[in-house]
Amino acid sequence: MNFDSFVFPRQLRYWSLHCLLNAAPSLGIALGWLGLWKSPSAVAAMFTAIATFIVLYATLTSLRGPLTDPDHLLSRALKLGARIRGWISGISLLVLPTGIFMMFTPDYWCGLLSISLLNGAARFLGASRPFFQPEPDGATASFLPVYATTLLEGFILSFLLLMIAFFALVFLQMRDRRRAFAIGVSP
């Protein structure tokens, strides 16, 4: 695998903006509703997990191949999927202050699934207490459980992004074929 060092800074900027925007609803839920803003280690864990995703996405899209070529169908589908996911995050940010509509955001359900999966794994492995349990005051959260929960939630949200990108791929491919047939060129 060849790493294109000229593309990496541009991809790092793009994914920093995208990941921070898409993490904002989850941060709002964790910091505001769960009260994790009181725990410096929890805040550090969340931002470390977000930084992990920024570096992973920037690296993945900087490797030579279809994701580096802006005209390639896979690259266009991922960018369109990221744009759609950004809109979903923006709308989610608007409904978060209401509280009750928070349950309609993907971040809420992905975070809940993440906590459930990690706590289920802890029970399966014989732990005497849950791996991560949000406390009412939020000040007692430690780094590792919050980091692992945020990382797992990010992977679940990334899977959703890939699903959106897959449907964007189908849409873009249909549109490109329709255009090619309209001008008389075979795809």
N, C-alpha and C. Protein backbone atom coordinates (compact mmCIF):
# COMPACT_ATOMS: atom_id res chain seq x y z
N MET A 1 0.84 -1.18 0.00
CA MET A 1 0.00 0.00 0.00
C MET A 1 0.88 1.24 0.00
N ASN A 2 0.54 2.13 -0.87
CA ASN A 2 1.27 3.39 -0.95
C ASN A 2 0.47 4.49 -0.29
N PHE A 3 1.14 5.25 0.50
CA PHE A 3 0.51 6.34 1.22
C PHE A 3 0.84 7.63 0.50
N ASP A 4 -0.15 8.38 0.10
CA ASP A 4 0.07 9.63 -0.61
C ASP A 4 0.16 10.76 0.41
N SER A 5 1.39 11.21 0.67
CA SER A 5 1.61 12.23 1.71
C SER A 5 1.08 13.60 1.32
N PHE A 6 0.88 13.83 0.02
CA PHE A 6 0.36 15.13 -0.40
C PHE A 6 -1.15 15.23 -0.17
N VAL A 7 -1.83 14.13 -0.16
CA VAL A 7 -3.27 14.11 0.02
C VAL A 7 -3.62 14.13 1.51
N PHE A 8 -2.76 13.61 2.36
CA PHE A 8 -3.08 13.45 3.77
C PHE A 8 -3.47 14.75 4.48
N PRO A 9 -2.73 15.86 4.32
CA PRO A 9 -3.16 17.09 5.03
C PRO A 9 -4.56 17.55 4.62
N ARG A 10 -4.88 17.44 3.33
CA ARG A 10 -6.21 17.83 2.87
C ARG A 10 -7.27 16.91 3.47
N GLN A 11 -6.99 15.60 3.49
CA GLN A 11 -7.92 14.64 4.06
C GLN A 11 -8.04 14.83 5.57
N LEU A 12 -6.96 15.18 6.21
CA LEU A 12 -6.98 15.44 7.65
C LEU A 12 -7.90 16.62 7.98
N ARG A 13 -7.81 17.67 7.18
CA ARG A 13 -8.71 18.83 7.37
C ARG A 13 -10.17 18.43 7.12
N TYR A 14 -10.41 17.71 6.03
CA TYR A 14 -11.78 17.32 5.68
C TYR A 14 -12.39 16.45 6.78
N TRP A 15 -11.67 15.42 7.21
CA TRP A 15 -12.22 14.49 8.20
C TRP A 15 -12.26 15.10 9.59
N SER A 16 -11.40 16.07 9.88
CA SER A 16 -11.51 16.78 11.16
C SER A 16 -12.83 17.51 11.24
N LEU A 17 -13.16 18.23 10.18
CA LEU A 17 -14.43 18.94 10.14
C LEU A 17 -15.60 17.96 10.20
N HIS A 18 -15.54 16.93 9.37
CA HIS A 18 -16.63 15.97 9.30
C HIS A 18 -16.82 15.23 10.63
N CYS A 19 -15.76 14.72 11.20
CA CYS A 19 -15.87 13.95 12.45
C CYS A 19 -16.32 14.82 13.61
N LEU A 20 -15.82 16.04 13.69
CA LEU A 20 -16.25 16.93 14.77
C LEU A 20 -17.72 17.30 14.63
N LEU A 21 -18.16 17.55 13.40
CA LEU A 21 -19.58 17.86 13.17
C LEU A 21 -20.45 16.66 13.54
N ASN A 22 -20.03 15.48 13.11
CA ASN A 22 -20.84 14.29 13.37
C ASN A 22 -20.76 13.81 14.81
N ALA A 23 -19.73 14.21 15.52
CA ALA A 23 -19.63 13.84 16.93
C ALA A 23 -20.38 14.82 17.83
N ALA A 24 -20.73 15.98 17.28
CA ALA A 24 -21.38 17.01 18.11
C ALA A 24 -22.67 16.54 18.79
N PRO A 25 -23.58 15.83 18.09
CA PRO A 25 -24.78 15.36 18.81
C PRO A 25 -24.44 14.39 19.95
N SER A 26 -23.51 13.48 19.71
CA SER A 26 -23.12 12.55 20.77
C SER A 26 -22.46 13.28 21.93
N LEU A 27 -21.62 14.27 21.60
CA LEU A 27 -21.01 15.06 22.66
C LEU A 27 -22.06 15.82 23.45
N GLY A 28 -23.06 16.34 22.75
CA GLY A 28 -24.14 17.05 23.43
C GLY A 28 -24.90 16.15 24.39
N ILE A 29 -25.16 14.93 23.95
CA ILE A 29 -25.87 13.98 24.81
C ILE A 29 -25.00 13.60 26.00
N ALA A 30 -23.73 13.26 25.73
CA ALA A 30 -22.84 12.80 26.81
C ALA A 30 -22.50 13.92 27.80
N LEU A 31 -22.15 15.07 27.26
CA LEU A 31 -21.74 16.16 28.14
C LEU A 31 -22.94 16.83 28.81
N GLY A 32 -23.99 17.08 28.04
CA GLY A 32 -25.14 17.79 28.58
C GLY A 32 -26.11 16.92 29.36
N TRP A 33 -26.56 15.85 28.73
CA TRP A 33 -27.61 15.03 29.35
C TRP A 33 -27.06 14.03 30.35
N LEU A 34 -25.87 13.49 30.10
CA LEU A 34 -25.28 12.54 31.06
C LEU A 34 -24.39 13.23 32.08
N GLY A 35 -24.08 14.50 31.88
CA GLY A 35 -23.29 15.26 32.84
C GLY A 35 -21.81 14.91 32.86
N LEU A 36 -21.30 14.34 31.75
CA LEU A 36 -19.88 13.96 31.72
C LEU A 36 -18.95 15.17 31.62
N TRP A 37 -19.48 16.37 31.44
CA TRP A 37 -18.63 17.55 31.40
C TRP A 37 -17.93 17.77 32.74
N LYS A 38 -18.43 17.15 33.80
CA LYS A 38 -17.82 17.31 35.12
C LYS A 38 -16.57 16.45 35.29
N SER A 39 -16.36 15.51 34.38
CA SER A 39 -15.21 14.61 34.48
C SER A 39 -14.18 14.93 33.39
N PRO A 40 -13.05 15.52 33.77
CA PRO A 40 -12.02 15.83 32.76
C PRO A 40 -11.52 14.58 32.02
N SER A 41 -11.45 13.44 32.71
CA SER A 41 -10.98 12.24 32.02
C SER A 41 -12.00 11.75 31.00
N ALA A 42 -13.30 11.94 31.26
CA ALA A 42 -14.33 11.55 30.30
C ALA A 42 -14.28 12.45 29.07
N VAL A 43 -14.09 13.74 29.28
CA VAL A 43 -13.99 14.68 28.16
C VAL A 43 -12.76 14.35 27.32
N ALA A 44 -11.64 14.08 27.98
CA ALA A 44 -10.41 13.71 27.26
C ALA A 44 -10.61 12.42 26.49
N ALA A 45 -11.31 11.45 27.08
CA ALA A 45 -11.56 10.18 26.41
C ALA A 45 -12.39 10.36 25.15
N MET A 46 -13.43 11.20 25.23
CA MET A 46 -14.28 11.42 24.07
C MET A 46 -13.51 12.11 22.94
N PHE A 47 -12.72 13.12 23.28
CA PHE A 47 -11.97 13.82 22.24
C PHE A 47 -10.83 12.95 21.70
N THR A 48 -10.28 12.06 22.50
CA THR A 48 -9.27 11.13 22.02
C THR A 48 -9.88 10.14 21.03
N ALA A 49 -11.08 9.66 21.32
CA ALA A 49 -11.76 8.75 20.40
C ALA A 49 -12.09 9.45 19.09
N ILE A 50 -12.53 10.71 19.17
CA ILE A 50 -12.82 11.46 17.95
C ILE A 50 -11.54 11.66 17.14
N ALA A 51 -10.44 11.98 17.81
CA ALA A 51 -9.16 12.13 17.12
C ALA A 51 -8.72 10.82 16.47
N THR A 52 -9.02 9.70 17.12
CA THR A 52 -8.70 8.39 16.54
C THR A 52 -9.43 8.21 15.21
N PHE A 53 -10.70 8.57 15.17
CA PHE A 53 -11.46 8.44 13.93
C PHE A 53 -10.98 9.42 12.86
N ILE A 54 -10.60 10.61 13.25
CA ILE A 54 -10.08 11.57 12.28
C ILE A 54 -8.84 11.00 11.60
N VAL A 55 -7.92 10.47 12.39
CA VAL A 55 -6.69 9.91 11.83
C VAL A 55 -6.98 8.67 10.99
N LEU A 56 -7.89 7.80 11.45
CA LEU A 56 -8.24 6.59 10.68
C LEU A 56 -8.85 6.94 9.33
N TYR A 57 -9.83 7.84 9.31
CA TYR A 57 -10.47 8.23 8.05
C TYR A 57 -9.48 8.95 7.14
N ALA A 58 -8.68 9.85 7.69
CA ALA A 58 -7.71 10.58 6.87
C ALA A 58 -6.69 9.63 6.26
N THR A 59 -6.25 8.65 7.04
CA THR A 59 -5.29 7.67 6.53
C THR A 59 -5.93 6.80 5.46
N LEU A 60 -7.13 6.31 5.72
CA LEU A 60 -7.82 5.43 4.78
C LEU A 60 -8.05 6.13 3.44
N THR A 61 -8.43 7.39 3.47
CA THR A 61 -8.70 8.11 2.23
C THR A 61 -7.45 8.73 1.62
N SER A 62 -6.30 8.53 2.24
CA SER A 62 -5.04 9.00 1.67
C SER A 62 -4.24 7.87 1.03
N LEU A 63 -4.66 6.64 1.23
CA LEU A 63 -3.99 5.51 0.58
C LEU A 63 -4.33 5.53 -0.90
N ARG A 64 -3.34 5.27 -1.72
CA ARG A 64 -3.58 5.30 -3.17
C ARG A 64 -4.61 4.24 -3.53
N GLY A 65 -5.57 4.69 -4.28
CA GLY A 65 -6.64 3.81 -4.69
C GLY A 65 -7.87 4.61 -5.03
N PRO A 66 -9.01 3.95 -5.07
CA PRO A 66 -10.23 4.64 -5.51
C PRO A 66 -10.69 5.77 -4.58
N LEU A 67 -10.38 5.69 -3.30
CA LEU A 67 -10.83 6.74 -2.38
C LEU A 67 -10.00 8.01 -2.49
N THR A 68 -8.83 7.93 -3.12
CA THR A 68 -7.99 9.10 -3.31
C THR A 68 -8.37 9.87 -4.57
N ASP A 69 -8.91 9.16 -5.56
CA ASP A 69 -9.30 9.78 -6.82
C ASP A 69 -10.66 10.45 -6.67
N PRO A 70 -10.73 11.79 -6.75
CA PRO A 70 -12.01 12.47 -6.53
C PRO A 70 -13.07 12.15 -7.59
N ASP A 71 -12.65 11.64 -8.76
CA ASP A 71 -13.61 11.32 -9.81
C ASP A 71 -14.09 9.87 -9.75
N HIS A 72 -13.47 9.06 -8.90
CA HIS A 72 -13.88 7.65 -8.79
C HIS A 72 -15.23 7.56 -8.10
N LEU A 73 -16.02 6.59 -8.54
CA LEU A 73 -17.37 6.41 -8.02
C LEU A 73 -17.38 6.16 -6.52
N LEU A 74 -16.44 5.37 -5.99
CA LEU A 74 -16.39 5.10 -4.54
C LEU A 74 -16.08 6.36 -3.75
N SER A 75 -15.16 7.16 -4.25
CA SER A 75 -14.81 8.41 -3.56
C SER A 75 -15.99 9.37 -3.56
N ARG A 76 -16.67 9.49 -4.69
CA ARG A 76 -17.84 10.37 -4.77
C ARG A 76 -18.95 9.89 -3.86
N ALA A 77 -19.15 8.57 -3.79
CA ALA A 77 -20.21 8.02 -2.92
C ALA A 77 -19.89 8.27 -1.45
N LEU A 78 -18.63 8.11 -1.06
CA LEU A 78 -18.25 8.36 0.33
C LEU A 78 -18.43 9.84 0.68
N LYS A 79 -18.07 10.73 -0.22
CA LYS A 79 -18.24 12.17 0.03
C LYS A 79 -19.73 12.52 0.12
N LEU A 80 -20.55 11.95 -0.75
CA LEU A 80 -21.99 12.21 -0.68
C LEU A 80 -22.58 11.64 0.60
N GLY A 81 -22.15 10.43 0.98
CA GLY A 81 -22.60 9.83 2.24
C GLY A 81 -22.20 10.68 3.43
N ALA A 82 -20.98 11.22 3.41
CA ALA A 82 -20.52 12.09 4.50
C ALA A 82 -21.33 13.38 4.55
N ARG A 83 -21.69 13.90 3.39
CA ARG A 83 -22.50 15.12 3.35
C ARG A 83 -23.90 14.85 3.92
N ILE A 84 -24.50 13.72 3.55
CA ILE A 84 -25.82 13.36 4.07
C ILE A 84 -25.75 13.15 5.58
N ARG A 85 -24.71 12.45 6.04
CA ARG A 85 -24.54 12.22 7.49
C ARG A 85 -24.35 13.55 8.21
N GLY A 86 -23.66 14.50 7.58
CA GLY A 86 -23.49 15.82 8.16
C GLY A 86 -24.82 16.54 8.34
N TRP A 87 -25.69 16.42 7.36
CA TRP A 87 -27.02 17.02 7.46
C TRP A 87 -27.82 16.37 8.60
N ILE A 88 -27.72 15.07 8.72
CA ILE A 88 -28.42 14.36 9.80
C ILE A 88 -27.90 14.86 11.15
N SER A 89 -26.59 15.04 11.27
CA SER A 89 -26.02 15.54 12.52
C SER A 89 -26.48 16.97 12.81
N GLY A 90 -26.53 17.79 11.77
CA GLY A 90 -26.99 19.16 11.96
C GLY A 90 -28.43 19.22 12.45
N ILE A 91 -29.28 18.39 11.87
CA ILE A 91 -30.67 18.33 12.31
C ILE A 91 -30.75 17.78 13.73
N SER A 92 -29.93 16.80 14.03
CA SER A 92 -29.90 16.23 15.39
C SER A 92 -29.51 17.28 16.42
N LEU A 93 -28.57 18.14 16.05
CA LEU A 93 -28.16 19.21 16.98
C LEU A 93 -29.31 20.17 17.28
N LEU A 94 -30.17 20.37 16.30
CA LEU A 94 -31.31 21.27 16.51
C LEU A 94 -32.34 20.69 17.47
N VAL A 95 -32.49 19.36 17.49
CA VAL A 95 -33.52 18.75 18.34
C VAL A 95 -33.00 18.34 19.72
N LEU A 96 -31.70 18.34 19.92
CA LEU A 96 -31.14 17.92 21.21
C LEU A 96 -31.64 18.74 22.40
N PRO A 97 -31.73 20.06 22.29
CA PRO A 97 -32.18 20.82 23.47
C PRO A 97 -33.59 20.48 23.92
N THR A 98 -34.41 19.92 23.04
CA THR A 98 -35.78 19.61 23.43
C THR A 98 -35.85 18.46 24.41
N GLY A 99 -34.87 17.59 24.39
CA GLY A 99 -34.87 16.45 25.31
C GLY A 99 -35.67 15.29 24.79
N ILE A 100 -36.95 15.45 24.58
CA ILE A 100 -37.78 14.32 24.15
C ILE A 100 -37.46 13.90 22.72
N PHE A 101 -37.13 14.84 21.85
CA PHE A 101 -36.81 14.48 20.47
C PHE A 101 -35.40 13.92 20.33
N MET A 102 -34.63 13.96 21.41
CA MET A 102 -33.30 13.37 21.41
C MET A 102 -33.37 11.89 21.06
N MET A 103 -34.47 11.26 21.41
CA MET A 103 -34.64 9.83 21.14
C MET A 103 -34.76 9.53 19.65
N PHE A 104 -34.94 10.56 18.82
CA PHE A 104 -35.05 10.36 17.39
C PHE A 104 -33.72 10.55 16.66
N THR A 105 -32.66 10.78 17.40
CA THR A 105 -31.36 10.98 16.77
C THR A 105 -30.60 9.65 16.70
N PRO A 106 -29.88 9.42 15.61
CA PRO A 106 -29.09 8.18 15.50
C PRO A 106 -28.03 8.07 16.60
N ASP A 107 -27.49 9.21 17.03
CA ASP A 107 -26.44 9.21 18.05
C ASP A 107 -26.95 8.64 19.37
N TYR A 108 -28.17 8.95 19.71
CA TYR A 108 -28.77 8.44 20.95
C TYR A 108 -28.82 6.91 20.91
N TRP A 109 -29.34 6.37 19.82
CA TRP A 109 -29.50 4.92 19.72
C TRP A 109 -28.16 4.21 19.56
N CYS A 110 -27.23 4.81 18.82
CA CYS A 110 -25.91 4.20 18.68
C CYS A 110 -25.15 4.22 20.00
N GLY A 111 -25.29 5.29 20.77
CA GLY A 111 -24.66 5.36 22.09
C GLY A 111 -25.26 4.35 23.04
N LEU A 112 -26.58 4.22 23.01
CA LEU A 112 -27.26 3.23 23.85
C LEU A 112 -26.84 1.81 23.47
N LEU A 113 -26.74 1.54 22.17
CA LEU A 113 -26.29 0.23 21.71
C LEU A 113 -24.85 -0.03 22.14
N SER A 114 -24.02 0.98 22.05
CA SER A 114 -22.62 0.85 22.44
C SER A 114 -22.48 0.50 23.92
N ILE A 115 -23.22 1.22 24.77
CA ILE A 115 -23.18 0.94 26.21
C ILE A 115 -23.70 -0.46 26.49
N SER A 116 -24.78 -0.85 25.82
CA SER A 116 -25.37 -2.18 26.03
C SER A 116 -24.41 -3.29 25.61
N LEU A 117 -23.76 -3.11 24.45
CA LEU A 117 -22.82 -4.13 23.98
C LEU A 117 -21.63 -4.28 24.92
N LEU A 118 -21.07 -3.17 25.36
CA LEU A 118 -19.91 -3.24 26.25
C LEU A 118 -20.29 -3.80 27.63
N ASN A 119 -21.45 -3.40 28.14
CA ASN A 119 -21.89 -3.95 29.42
C ASN A 119 -22.23 -5.43 29.30
N GLY A 120 -22.82 -5.83 28.16
CA GLY A 120 -23.09 -7.24 27.93
C GLY A 120 -21.81 -8.06 27.83
N ALA A 121 -20.81 -7.51 27.17
CA ALA A 121 -19.51 -8.20 27.08
C ALA A 121 -18.88 -8.32 28.46
N ALA A 122 -19.00 -7.28 29.28
CA ALA A 122 -18.45 -7.32 30.64
C ALA A 122 -19.15 -8.41 31.47
N ARG A 123 -20.48 -8.49 31.34
CA ARG A 123 -21.22 -9.54 32.06
C ARG A 123 -20.81 -10.92 31.56
N PHE A 124 -20.67 -11.06 30.25
CA PHE A 124 -20.28 -12.35 29.66
C PHE A 124 -18.90 -12.79 30.15
N LEU A 125 -18.01 -11.83 30.34
CA LEU A 125 -16.65 -12.13 30.80
C LEU A 125 -16.57 -12.27 32.31
N GLY A 126 -17.70 -12.12 33.00
CA GLY A 126 -17.75 -12.34 34.44
C GLY A 126 -17.47 -11.15 35.31
N ALA A 127 -17.57 -9.97 34.77
CA ALA A 127 -17.33 -8.77 35.58
C ALA A 127 -18.45 -8.61 36.60
N SER A 128 -18.10 -8.12 37.76
CA SER A 128 -19.08 -7.97 38.83
C SER A 128 -19.93 -6.71 38.69
N ARG A 129 -19.48 -5.76 37.87
CA ARG A 129 -20.24 -4.53 37.67
C ARG A 129 -20.20 -4.16 36.19
N PRO A 130 -21.11 -3.29 35.72
CA PRO A 130 -21.11 -2.89 34.31
C PRO A 130 -19.81 -2.21 33.91
N PHE A 131 -19.44 -2.37 32.66
CA PHE A 131 -18.24 -1.75 32.13
C PHE A 131 -18.38 -0.23 32.16
N PHE A 132 -19.52 0.27 31.72
CA PHE A 132 -19.77 1.70 31.72
C PHE A 132 -21.20 1.93 32.18
N GLN A 133 -21.32 2.71 33.21
CA GLN A 133 -22.63 3.08 33.70
C GLN A 133 -22.62 4.57 34.01
N PRO A 134 -23.37 5.34 33.22
CA PRO A 134 -23.38 6.78 33.49
C PRO A 134 -23.92 7.08 34.89
N GLU A 135 -23.17 7.81 35.64
CA GLU A 135 -23.59 8.21 36.99
C GLU A 135 -24.41 9.49 36.90
N PRO A 136 -25.31 9.70 37.85
CA PRO A 136 -26.12 10.92 37.80
C PRO A 136 -25.29 12.20 37.85
N ASP A 137 -24.18 12.19 38.57
CA ASP A 137 -23.38 13.41 38.65
C ASP A 137 -22.35 13.50 37.53
N GLY A 138 -22.02 12.39 36.87
CA GLY A 138 -21.10 12.37 35.75
C GLY A 138 -19.64 12.58 36.11
N ALA A 139 -19.34 12.94 37.33
CA ALA A 139 -17.97 13.28 37.71
C ALA A 139 -17.10 12.07 37.95
N THR A 140 -17.68 10.88 38.07
CA THR A 140 -16.89 9.71 38.41
C THR A 140 -16.52 8.85 37.20
N ALA A 141 -16.79 9.32 36.00
CA ALA A 141 -16.48 8.55 34.79
C ALA A 141 -14.97 8.50 34.57
N SER A 142 -14.46 7.32 34.26
CA SER A 142 -13.02 7.19 34.02
C SER A 142 -12.74 7.08 32.52
N PHE A 143 -11.48 7.19 32.15
CA PHE A 143 -11.06 7.30 30.76
C PHE A 143 -11.42 6.08 29.93
N LEU A 144 -11.00 4.89 30.33
CA LEU A 144 -11.14 3.70 29.48
C LEU A 144 -12.59 3.37 29.13
N PRO A 145 -13.52 3.32 30.08
CA PRO A 145 -14.89 3.02 29.69
C PRO A 145 -15.50 4.06 28.74
N VAL A 146 -15.19 5.32 28.96
CA VAL A 146 -15.74 6.36 28.09
C VAL A 146 -15.09 6.29 26.71
N TYR A 147 -13.77 6.05 26.68
CA TYR A 147 -13.06 5.93 25.39
C TYR A 147 -13.60 4.74 24.60
N ALA A 148 -13.73 3.58 25.25
CA ALA A 148 -14.22 2.38 24.56
C ALA A 148 -15.65 2.57 24.09
N THR A 149 -16.48 3.18 24.90
CA THR A 149 -17.87 3.41 24.52
C THR A 149 -17.95 4.37 23.34
N THR A 150 -17.18 5.44 23.39
CA THR A 150 -17.17 6.42 22.30
C THR A 150 -16.62 5.80 21.03
N LEU A 151 -15.58 4.98 21.16
CA LEU A 151 -15.01 4.32 20.00
C LEU A 151 -16.01 3.35 19.36
N LEU A 152 -16.67 2.55 20.18
CA LEU A 152 -17.66 1.62 19.65
C LEU A 152 -18.83 2.37 19.01
N GLU A 153 -19.28 3.43 19.65
CA GLU A 153 -20.35 4.24 19.05
C GLU A 153 -19.90 4.83 17.72
N GLY A 154 -18.65 5.26 17.64
CA GLY A 154 -18.12 5.78 16.38
C GLY A 154 -18.08 4.72 15.30
N PHE A 155 -17.73 3.49 15.66
CA PHE A 155 -17.73 2.41 14.67
C PHE A 155 -19.15 2.10 14.20
N ILE A 156 -20.11 2.15 15.10
CA ILE A 156 -21.50 1.92 14.71
C ILE A 156 -21.97 3.04 13.79
N LEU A 157 -21.65 4.28 14.13
CA LEU A 157 -22.01 5.41 13.27
C LEU A 157 -21.26 5.35 11.94
N SER A 158 -20.03 4.85 11.95
CA SER A 158 -19.29 4.68 10.69
C SER A 158 -19.94 3.62 9.81
N PHE A 159 -20.47 2.58 10.44
CA PHE A 159 -21.21 1.58 9.68
C PHE A 159 -22.44 2.22 9.03
N LEU A 160 -23.12 3.09 9.76
CA LEU A 160 -24.26 3.80 9.18
C LEU A 160 -23.81 4.69 8.03
N LEU A 161 -22.65 5.35 8.19
CA LEU A 161 -22.10 6.15 7.10
C LEU A 161 -21.82 5.28 5.88
N LEU A 162 -21.28 4.10 6.09
CA LEU A 162 -21.01 3.20 4.96
C LEU A 162 -22.30 2.74 4.30
N MET A 163 -23.35 2.53 5.08
CA MET A 163 -24.64 2.17 4.49
C MET A 163 -25.17 3.33 3.64
N ILE A 164 -25.08 4.54 4.16
CA ILE A 164 -25.51 5.72 3.40
C ILE A 164 -24.68 5.84 2.13
N ALA A 165 -23.36 5.62 2.25
CA ALA A 165 -22.47 5.70 1.09
C ALA A 165 -22.80 4.61 0.08
N PHE A 166 -23.21 3.44 0.54
CA PHE A 166 -23.60 2.37 -0.38
C PHE A 166 -24.82 2.79 -1.20
N PHE A 167 -25.83 3.36 -0.52
CA PHE A 167 -27.01 3.81 -1.25
C PHE A 167 -26.67 4.99 -2.15
N ALA A 168 -25.74 5.83 -1.72
CA ALA A 168 -25.27 6.93 -2.57
C ALA A 168 -24.55 6.36 -3.79
N LEU A 169 -23.80 5.29 -3.61
CA LEU A 169 -23.10 4.62 -4.71
C LEU A 169 -24.10 4.12 -5.75
N VAL A 170 -25.16 3.49 -5.29
CA VAL A 170 -26.20 2.99 -6.20
C VAL A 170 -26.83 4.16 -6.95
N PHE A 171 -27.15 5.23 -6.22
CA PHE A 171 -27.76 6.41 -6.83
C PHE A 171 -26.83 7.03 -7.86
N LEU A 172 -25.57 7.23 -7.50
CA LEU A 172 -24.61 7.85 -8.42
C LEU A 172 -24.39 6.98 -9.66
N GLN A 173 -24.34 5.68 -9.46
CA GLN A 173 -24.15 4.78 -10.59
C GLN A 173 -25.35 4.82 -11.54
N MET A 174 -26.56 4.85 -10.99
CA MET A 174 -27.75 4.96 -11.84
C MET A 174 -27.75 6.28 -12.60
N ARG A 175 -27.40 7.36 -11.91
CA ARG A 175 -27.37 8.67 -12.55
C ARG A 175 -26.31 8.72 -13.65
N ASP A 176 -25.12 8.16 -13.39
CA ASP A 176 -24.06 8.15 -14.40
C ASP A 176 -24.46 7.32 -15.62
N ARG A 177 -25.11 6.19 -15.39
CA ARG A 177 -25.56 5.36 -16.52
C ARG A 177 -26.63 6.08 -17.33
N ARG A 178 -27.56 6.72 -16.64
CA ARG A 178 -28.62 7.45 -17.34
C ARG A 178 -28.00 8.55 -18.20
N ARG A 179 -27.02 9.26 -17.67
CA ARG A 179 -26.34 10.32 -18.44
C ARG A 179 -25.59 9.73 -19.63
N ALA A 180 -24.92 8.59 -19.40
CA ALA A 180 -24.15 7.97 -20.48
C ALA A 180 -25.08 7.50 -21.61
N PHE A 181 -26.22 6.93 -21.26
CA PHE A 181 -27.15 6.49 -22.29
C PHE A 181 -27.80 7.67 -22.99
N ALA A 182 -27.99 8.77 -22.28
CA ALA A 182 -28.62 9.95 -22.88
C ALA A 182 -27.74 10.57 -23.96
N ILE A 183 -26.42 10.51 -23.76
CA ILE A 183 -25.53 11.08 -24.79
C ILE A 183 -25.04 10.02 -25.77
N GLY A 184 -25.48 8.78 -25.60
CA GLY A 184 -25.16 7.73 -26.55
C GLY A 184 -23.84 7.03 -26.31
N VAL A 185 -23.29 7.12 -25.14
CA VAL A 185 -22.03 6.46 -24.82
C VAL A 185 -22.35 5.24 -23.96
N SER A 186 -21.76 4.09 -24.27
CA SER A 186 -22.01 2.91 -23.44
C SER A 186 -21.17 3.02 -22.18
N PRO A 187 -21.73 2.61 -21.02
CA PRO A 187 -21.00 2.77 -19.75
C PRO A 187 -19.80 1.89 -19.62
